[in-house]
Amino acid sequence: MTLEGDFFTKFDAAGKDILSGSKKGLKLSAGKVGSLSVAKTPVETANLRRSEYETEVEEDGGNLIIEIGYKADYAPPVHEITTNKHAVGEAKFLENAVKEFSSSFLEAIKKQIKL
């Protein structure tokens, strides 16, 4: 193998490692956000908390995408109506969890990238 060929082989491998680590870090981050969110979710019957989900990481035009949400039909109004008082939990439970974890996203992803 030539020096040039060796460089491109290593460069390609590094790109694959970066992509793989980024996906793993994003999935782990989504799990942490999901857990934070569930802890903040109002509880009446616990159905809403049990409906939390995270999708697998997808690639779309060079972007990595993951979805975190709640399957319960009534999740949007519980999340969005800030005037309701809850004995346990709070409105904006998912949004607040994302904000709380936002400063840790890049570090969590970087930890998964092995070069």
Foldseek 3Di string as FASTA:
>chain_A
DDPVVVVVVVVVVLVVLLVVLLQVLQVVLLVQLLVQLLQQQFDDPCQQSVQWDKDHWDDDPNDTDIDIDGDDPCLVVQQPPQVDDGPGHGHVSSVVSCVVCVVVSVVSSVVSRDD
